C-alpha atoms as a PDB file:
ATOM      1  CA  MET A   1     129.751 102.148  18.106  1.00  0.00           C
ATOM      2  CA  ARG A   2     132.335 102.496  15.367  1.00  0.00           C
ATOM      3  CA  TRP A   3     132.534 105.718  13.417  1.00  0.00           C
ATOM      4  CA  SER A   4     133.892 106.152   9.925  1.00  0.00           C
ATOM      5  CA  ALA A   5     136.350 108.973   9.378  1.00  0.00           C
ATOM      6  CA  LYS A   6     133.636 110.770   7.378  1.00  0.00           C
ATOM      7  CA  GLU A   7     131.184 110.574  10.313  1.00  0.00           C
ATOM      8  CA  MET A   8     133.673 111.486  13.036  1.00  0.00           C
ATOM      9  CA  ARG A   9     134.062 115.215  12.314  1.00  0.00           C
ATOM     10  CA  PRO A  10     130.331 116.084  12.389  1.00  0.00           C
ATOM     11  CA  PHE A  11     129.894 113.953  15.510  1.00  0.00           C
ATOM     12  CA  LEU A  12     132.759 115.685  17.322  1.00  0.00           C
ATOM     13  CA  VAL A  13     131.620 119.148  16.234  1.00  0.00           C
ATOM     14  CA  SER A  14     128.114 118.485  17.546  1.00  0.00           C
ATOM     15  CA  GLN A  15     129.403 117.001  20.798  1.00  0.00           C
ATOM     16  CA  LEU A  16     131.884 119.783  21.478  1.00  0.00           C
ATOM     17  CA  ALA A  17     129.145 122.369  20.978  1.00  0.00           C
ATOM     18  CA  LEU A  18     127.364 120.956  24.043  1.00  0.00           C
ATOM     19  CA  PRO A  19     128.183 121.850  27.638  1.00  0.00           C
ATOM     20  CA  PRO A  20     130.516 119.264  29.240  1.00  0.00           C
ATOM     21  CA  THR A  21     127.880 118.125  31.730  1.00  0.00           C
ATOM     22  CA  ASP A  22     125.454 117.434  28.854  1.00  0.00           C
ATOM     23  CA  ARG A  23     128.087 115.324  27.091  1.00  0.00           C
ATOM     24  CA  LEU A  24     128.756 113.448  30.312  1.00  0.00           C
ATOM     25  CA  ALA A  25     125.039 112.864  30.949  1.00  0.00           C
ATOM     26  CA  ALA A  26     124.650 111.542  27.403  1.00  0.00           C
ATOM     27  CA  ALA A  27     127.572 109.170  27.930  1.00  0.00           C
ATOM     28  CA  PHE A  28     125.942 107.722  31.057  1.00  0.00           C
ATOM     29  CA  LEU A  29     122.691 107.232  29.137  1.00  0.00           C
ATOM     30  CA  ASP A  30     124.363 105.849  26.001  1.00  0.00           C
ATOM     31  CA  CYS A  31     126.293 103.340  28.120  1.00  0.00           C
ATOM     32  CA  ASP A  32     123.125 102.340  29.991  1.00  0.00           C
ATOM     33  CA  VAL A  33     124.314 103.353  33.458  1.00  0.00           C
ATOM     34  CA  PRO A  34     121.784 106.069  34.325  1.00  0.00           C
ATOM     35  CA  ASP A  35     121.974 105.358  38.074  1.00  0.00           C
ATOM     36  CA  ALA A  36     125.712 106.034  38.127  1.00  0.00           C
ATOM     37  CA  GLY A  37     125.065 109.186  36.089  1.00  0.00           C
ATOM     38  CA  VAL A  38     122.426 110.446  38.501  1.00  0.00           C
ATOM     39  CA  ARG A  39     124.756 109.854  41.459  1.00  0.00           C
ATOM     40  CA  ALA A  40     127.783 111.451  39.764  1.00  0.00           C
ATOM     41  CA  LEU A  41     126.035 114.494  38.327  1.00  0.00           C
ATOM     42  CA  GLY A  42     123.957 114.902  41.478  1.00  0.00           C
ATOM     43  CA  ALA A  43     127.161 115.007  43.540  1.00  0.00           C
ATOM     44  CA  TYR A  44     128.677 117.521  41.111  1.00  0.00           C
ATOM     45  CA  ASP A  45     125.552 119.676  41.343  1.00  0.00           C
ATOM     46  CA  ARG A  46     125.619 119.621  45.155  1.00  0.00           C
ATOM     47  CA  TRP A  47     129.348 120.538  45.105  1.00  0.00           C
ATOM     48  CA  ILE A  48     128.664 123.530  42.855  1.00  0.00           C
ATOM     49  CA  GLU A  49     125.822 124.514  45.178  1.00  0.00           C
ATOM     50  CA  MET A  50     128.218 124.359  48.145  1.00  0.00           C
ATOM     51  CA  LEU A  51     130.711 126.584  46.342  1.00  0.00           C
ATOM     52  CA  CYS A  52     127.983 129.153  45.682  1.00  0.00           C
ATOM     53  CA  ASP A  53     127.425 129.461  49.437  1.00  0.00           C
ATOM     54  CA  GLU A  54     129.683 132.231  50.769  1.00  0.00           C
ATOM     55  CA  ALA A  55     129.710 130.744  54.292  1.00  0.00           C
ATOM     56  CA  VAL A  56     130.894 127.375  52.989  1.00  0.00           C
ATOM     57  CA  ARG A  57     133.597 128.987  50.846  1.00  0.00           C
ATOM     58  CA  ALA A  58     134.763 131.037  53.827  1.00  0.00           C
ATOM     59  CA  GLU A  59     134.916 127.932  56.015  1.00  0.00           C
ATOM     60  CA  LEU A  60     136.870 125.975  53.397  1.00  0.00           C
ATOM     61  CA  ASN A  61     139.303 128.855  52.900  1.00  0.00           C
ATOM     62  CA  ALA A  62     139.840 129.299  56.630  1.00  0.00           C
ATOM     63  CA  ILE A  63     140.487 125.760  57.854  1.00  0.00           C
ATOM     64  CA  PRO A  64     144.091 124.702  58.254  1.00  0.00           C
ATOM     65  CA  ARG A  65     145.003 121.349  56.723  1.00  0.00           C
ATOM     66  CA  SER A  66     145.439 119.861  60.191  1.00  0.00           C
ATOM     67  CA  ASP A  67     141.785 120.612  61.057  1.00  0.00           C
ATOM     68  CA  VAL A  68     139.969 119.303  57.978  1.00  0.00           C
ATOM     69  CA  ASP A  69     138.516 116.390  59.959  1.00  0.00           C
ATOM     70  CA  THR A  70     136.542 118.838  62.097  1.00  0.00           C
ATOM     71  CA  SER A  71     135.042 120.772  59.184  1.00  0.00           C
ATOM     72  CA  LEU A  72     131.575 119.629  58.158  1.00  0.00           C
ATOM     73  CA  ALA A  73     131.886 121.496  54.862  1.00  0.00           C
ATOM     74  CA  TYR A  74     135.183 119.783  54.063  1.00  0.00           C
ATOM     75  CA  GLN A  75     133.793 116.362  54.967  1.00  0.00           C
ATOM     76  CA  GLU A  76     130.722 116.913  52.793  1.00  0.00           C
ATOM     77  CA  GLY A  77     132.877 118.110  49.898  1.00  0.00           C
ATOM     78  CA  ARG A  78     135.067 115.055  50.235  1.00  0.00           C
ATOM     79  CA  ARG A  79     132.025 112.757  50.299  1.00  0.00           C
ATOM     80  CA  LEU A  80     130.650 114.409  47.171  1.00  0.00           C
ATOM     81  CA  ALA A  81     134.031 114.071  45.430  1.00  0.00           C
ATOM     82  CA  GLU A  82     134.089 110.354  46.213  1.00  0.00           C
ATOM     83  CA  GLU A  83     130.533 109.959  44.920  1.00  0.00           C
ATOM     84  CA  LEU A  84     131.449 111.734  41.690  1.00  0.00           C
ATOM     85  CA  GLU A  85     134.572 109.604  41.332  1.00  0.00           C
ATOM     86  CA  GLN A  86     132.612 106.367  41.801  1.00  0.00           C
ATOM     87  CA  GLY A  87     130.146 107.383  39.108  1.00  0.00           C
ATOM     88  CA  LEU A  88     132.914 108.255  36.654  1.00  0.00           C
ATOM     89  CA  LEU A  89     134.749 105.006  37.392  1.00  0.00           C
ATOM     90  CA  ALA A  90     131.531 103.081  36.741  1.00  0.00           C
ATOM     91  CA  LEU A  91     131.164 104.843  33.379  1.00  0.00           C
ATOM     92  CA  LEU A  92     134.758 104.226  32.368  1.00  0.00           C
ATOM     93  CA  PHE A  93     135.292 100.687  33.630  1.00  0.00           C
ATOM     94  CA  GLU A  94     131.890  99.002  33.976  1.00  0.00           C
ATOM     95  CA  THR A  95     130.509  99.734  30.519  1.00  0.00           C
ATOM     96  CA  PRO A  96     131.504  98.994  26.924  1.00  0.00           C
ATOM     97  CA  LEU A  97     133.857 101.981  27.219  1.00  0.00           C
ATOM     98  CA  ALA A  98     136.169  99.912  29.447  1.00  0.00           C
ATOM     99  CA  SER A  99     138.072  98.269  26.595  1.00  0.00           C
ATOM    100  CA  LEU A 100     138.604 101.642  24.874  1.00  0.00           C
ATOM    101  CA  VAL A 101     139.700 103.282  28.126  1.00  0.00           C
ATOM    102  CA  ARG A 102     142.168 100.484  28.791  1.00  0.00           C
ATOM    103  CA  GLU A 103     143.509 100.615  25.227  1.00  0.00           C
ATOM    104  CA  TYR A 104     143.620 104.366  24.629  1.00  0.00           C
ATOM    105  CA  GLY A 105     143.100 106.153  27.929  1.00  0.00           C
ATOM    106  CA  ILE A 106     145.610 104.534  30.252  1.00  0.00           C
ATOM    107  CA  PHE A 107     149.262 105.143  29.568  1.00  0.00           C
END
């Protein structure tokens, strides 16, 4: 969708008043990739849930870099990060946003 300069300010003000996850969810819906949105935001939600668990945070803080392959919490966090990344890549490069991302978002 193209916006006139007159329409842009109210649109941006309304969008920036929303929480970031709401804006992201709307982008997935507007670009007709709800499945990617569910996977991405679901992964983000599960990651936040992990971080709210004191035992998981303690495990992540305690493992040395050399032992990350043995940590179930680390492996799950990594899997969730990859799931989130795949959803965001789908939004940015497999929707009408792709041409704008290529033109304005990649330097």
